[in-house]
Amino acid sequence: MTPPQPEPEPPTQNGSGKGKFELGVTYQAGDIVTIGRGEYPAAAAEGTYRALVTHESSFYHYPWNDPRTWERIN
């Protein structure tokens, strides 16, 4: 059985560009991060992502593999 997914929080006013994604940072719903080519070994990592919920980034919440926490926008 799939665990219930959290409801996305309403984004902050136009979001906030946070620059590069970092571990151990608290991201608010609507924050935007960018991952450049070669910054992470995952081939699918490159892109721009918007946080869907407020959370502290960790190995479990990489933008390219956690669609409950991040939305790819580019």
C-alpha atoms as a PDB file:
ATOM      1  CA  MET A   1       0.000   0.000   0.000  1.00  0.00           C
ATOM      2  CA  THR A   2       1.307   3.452  -0.889  1.00  0.00           C
ATOM      3  CA  PRO A   3       1.700   5.822   2.080  1.00  0.00           C
ATOM      4  CA  PRO A   4      -0.359   9.014   1.897  1.00  0.00           C
ATOM      5  CA  GLN A   5       1.399  11.875   0.170  1.00  0.00           C
ATOM      6  CA  PRO A   6       1.556  15.332   1.761  1.00  0.00           C
ATOM      7  CA  GLU A   7      -0.581  18.031   0.222  1.00  0.00           C
ATOM      8  CA  PRO A   8       1.509  20.624  -1.636  1.00  0.00           C
ATOM      9  CA  GLU A   9       1.727  23.905   0.246  1.00  0.00           C
ATOM     10  CA  PRO A  10       0.744  27.097  -1.545  1.00  0.00           C
ATOM     11  CA  PRO A  11       3.883  28.631  -3.075  1.00  0.00           C
ATOM     12  CA  THR A  12       5.445  31.741  -1.614  1.00  0.00           C
ATOM     13  CA  GLN A  13       4.939  34.954  -3.565  1.00  0.00           C
ATOM     14  CA  ASN A  14       6.543  34.120  -6.946  1.00  0.00           C
ATOM     15  CA  GLY A  15       8.949  31.716  -5.232  1.00  0.00           C
ATOM     16  CA  SER A  16      12.464  32.571  -4.202  1.00  0.00           C
ATOM     17  CA  GLY A  17      15.504  31.781  -6.285  1.00  0.00           C
ATOM     18  CA  LYS A  18      17.920  29.945  -4.008  1.00  0.00           C
ATOM     19  CA  GLY A  19      20.613  29.306  -6.602  1.00  0.00           C
ATOM     20  CA  LYS A  20      22.337  25.934  -6.443  1.00  0.00           C
ATOM     21  CA  PHE A  21      20.753  23.004  -4.605  1.00  0.00           C
ATOM     22  CA  GLU A  22      22.469  22.192  -1.302  1.00  0.00           C
ATOM     23  CA  LEU A  23      22.012  19.482   1.318  1.00  0.00           C
ATOM     24  CA  GLY A  24      20.997  20.487   4.846  1.00  0.00           C
ATOM     25  CA  VAL A  25      19.106  23.607   3.731  1.00  0.00           C
ATOM     26  CA  THR A  26      15.480  24.314   4.644  1.00  0.00           C
ATOM     27  CA  TYR A  27      13.567  25.094   1.467  1.00  0.00           C
ATOM     28  CA  GLN A  28      10.158  26.776   1.610  1.00  0.00           C
ATOM     29  CA  ALA A  29       7.309  25.865  -0.741  1.00  0.00           C
ATOM     30  CA  GLY A  30       7.920  27.836  -3.943  1.00  0.00           C
ATOM     31  CA  ASP A  31      11.711  28.110  -3.597  1.00  0.00           C
ATOM     32  CA  ILE A  32      13.557  27.508  -6.865  1.00  0.00           C
ATOM     33  CA  VAL A  33      16.932  25.786  -7.241  1.00  0.00           C
ATOM     34  CA  THR A  34      19.100  25.037 -10.250  1.00  0.00           C
ATOM     35  CA  ILE A  35      21.360  22.046 -10.784  1.00  0.00           C
ATOM     36  CA  GLY A  36      24.009  22.502 -13.449  1.00  0.00           C
ATOM     37  CA  ARG A  37      25.544  19.931 -15.751  1.00  0.00           C
ATOM     38  CA  GLY A  38      27.970  17.656 -13.936  1.00  0.00           C
ATOM     39  CA  GLU A  39      27.156  18.896 -10.417  1.00  0.00           C
ATOM     40  CA  TYR A  40      25.690  15.512  -9.443  1.00  0.00           C
ATOM     41  CA  PRO A  41      26.405  12.078 -10.922  1.00  0.00           C
ATOM     42  CA  ALA A  42      22.740  11.443 -11.768  1.00  0.00           C
ATOM     43  CA  ALA A  43      22.285  12.043 -15.490  1.00  0.00           C
ATOM     44  CA  ALA A  44      18.734  13.306 -14.929  1.00  0.00           C
ATOM     45  CA  ALA A  45      19.773  15.865 -12.293  1.00  0.00           C
ATOM     46  CA  GLU A  46      20.411  18.870 -14.547  1.00  0.00           C
ATOM     47  CA  GLY A  47      17.548  21.365 -14.494  1.00  0.00           C
ATOM     48  CA  THR A  48      15.522  23.857 -12.492  1.00  0.00           C
ATOM     49  CA  TYR A  49      13.177  22.713  -9.723  1.00  0.00           C
ATOM     50  CA  ARG A  50      10.501  24.276  -7.487  1.00  0.00           C
ATOM     51  CA  ALA A  51       9.931  23.068  -3.910  1.00  0.00           C
ATOM     52  CA  LEU A  52       6.348  21.878  -3.434  1.00  0.00           C
ATOM     53  CA  VAL A  53       6.496  21.701   0.375  1.00  0.00           C
ATOM     54  CA  THR A  54       8.669  23.198   3.094  1.00  0.00           C
ATOM     55  CA  HIS A  55      11.381  20.687   3.972  1.00  0.00           C
ATOM     56  CA  GLU A  56      15.037  20.264   4.879  1.00  0.00           C
ATOM     57  CA  SER A  57      17.014  18.875   1.967  1.00  0.00           C
ATOM     58  CA  SER A  58      18.674  15.518   2.480  1.00  0.00           C
ATOM     59  CA  PHE A  59      19.872  12.481   0.569  1.00  0.00           C
ATOM     60  CA  TYR A  60      16.208  11.397   0.502  1.00  0.00           C
ATOM     61  CA  HIS A  61      14.965  14.640  -1.048  1.00  0.00           C
ATOM     62  CA  TYR A  62      17.084  15.203  -4.146  1.00  0.00           C
ATOM     63  CA  PRO A  63      15.028  17.238  -6.644  1.00  0.00           C
ATOM     64  CA  TRP A  64      15.385  14.739  -9.498  1.00  0.00           C
ATOM     65  CA  ASN A  65      14.125  11.732  -7.525  1.00  0.00           C
ATOM     66  CA  ASP A  66      11.477  13.091  -5.129  1.00  0.00           C
ATOM     67  CA  PRO A  67       8.366  14.231  -7.043  1.00  0.00           C
ATOM     68  CA  ARG A  68       6.426  14.644  -3.770  1.00  0.00           C
ATOM     69  CA  THR A  69       8.835  17.374  -2.651  1.00  0.00           C
ATOM     70  CA  TRP A  70      10.089  18.908  -5.925  1.00  0.00           C
ATOM     71  CA  GLU A  71       8.615  19.814  -9.323  1.00  0.00           C
ATOM     72  CA  ARG A  72      10.890  20.077 -12.358  1.00  0.00           C
ATOM     73  CA  ILE A  73      10.156  23.346 -14.170  1.00  0.00           C
ATOM     74  CA  ASN A  74      12.950  23.321 -16.749  1.00  0.00           C
END
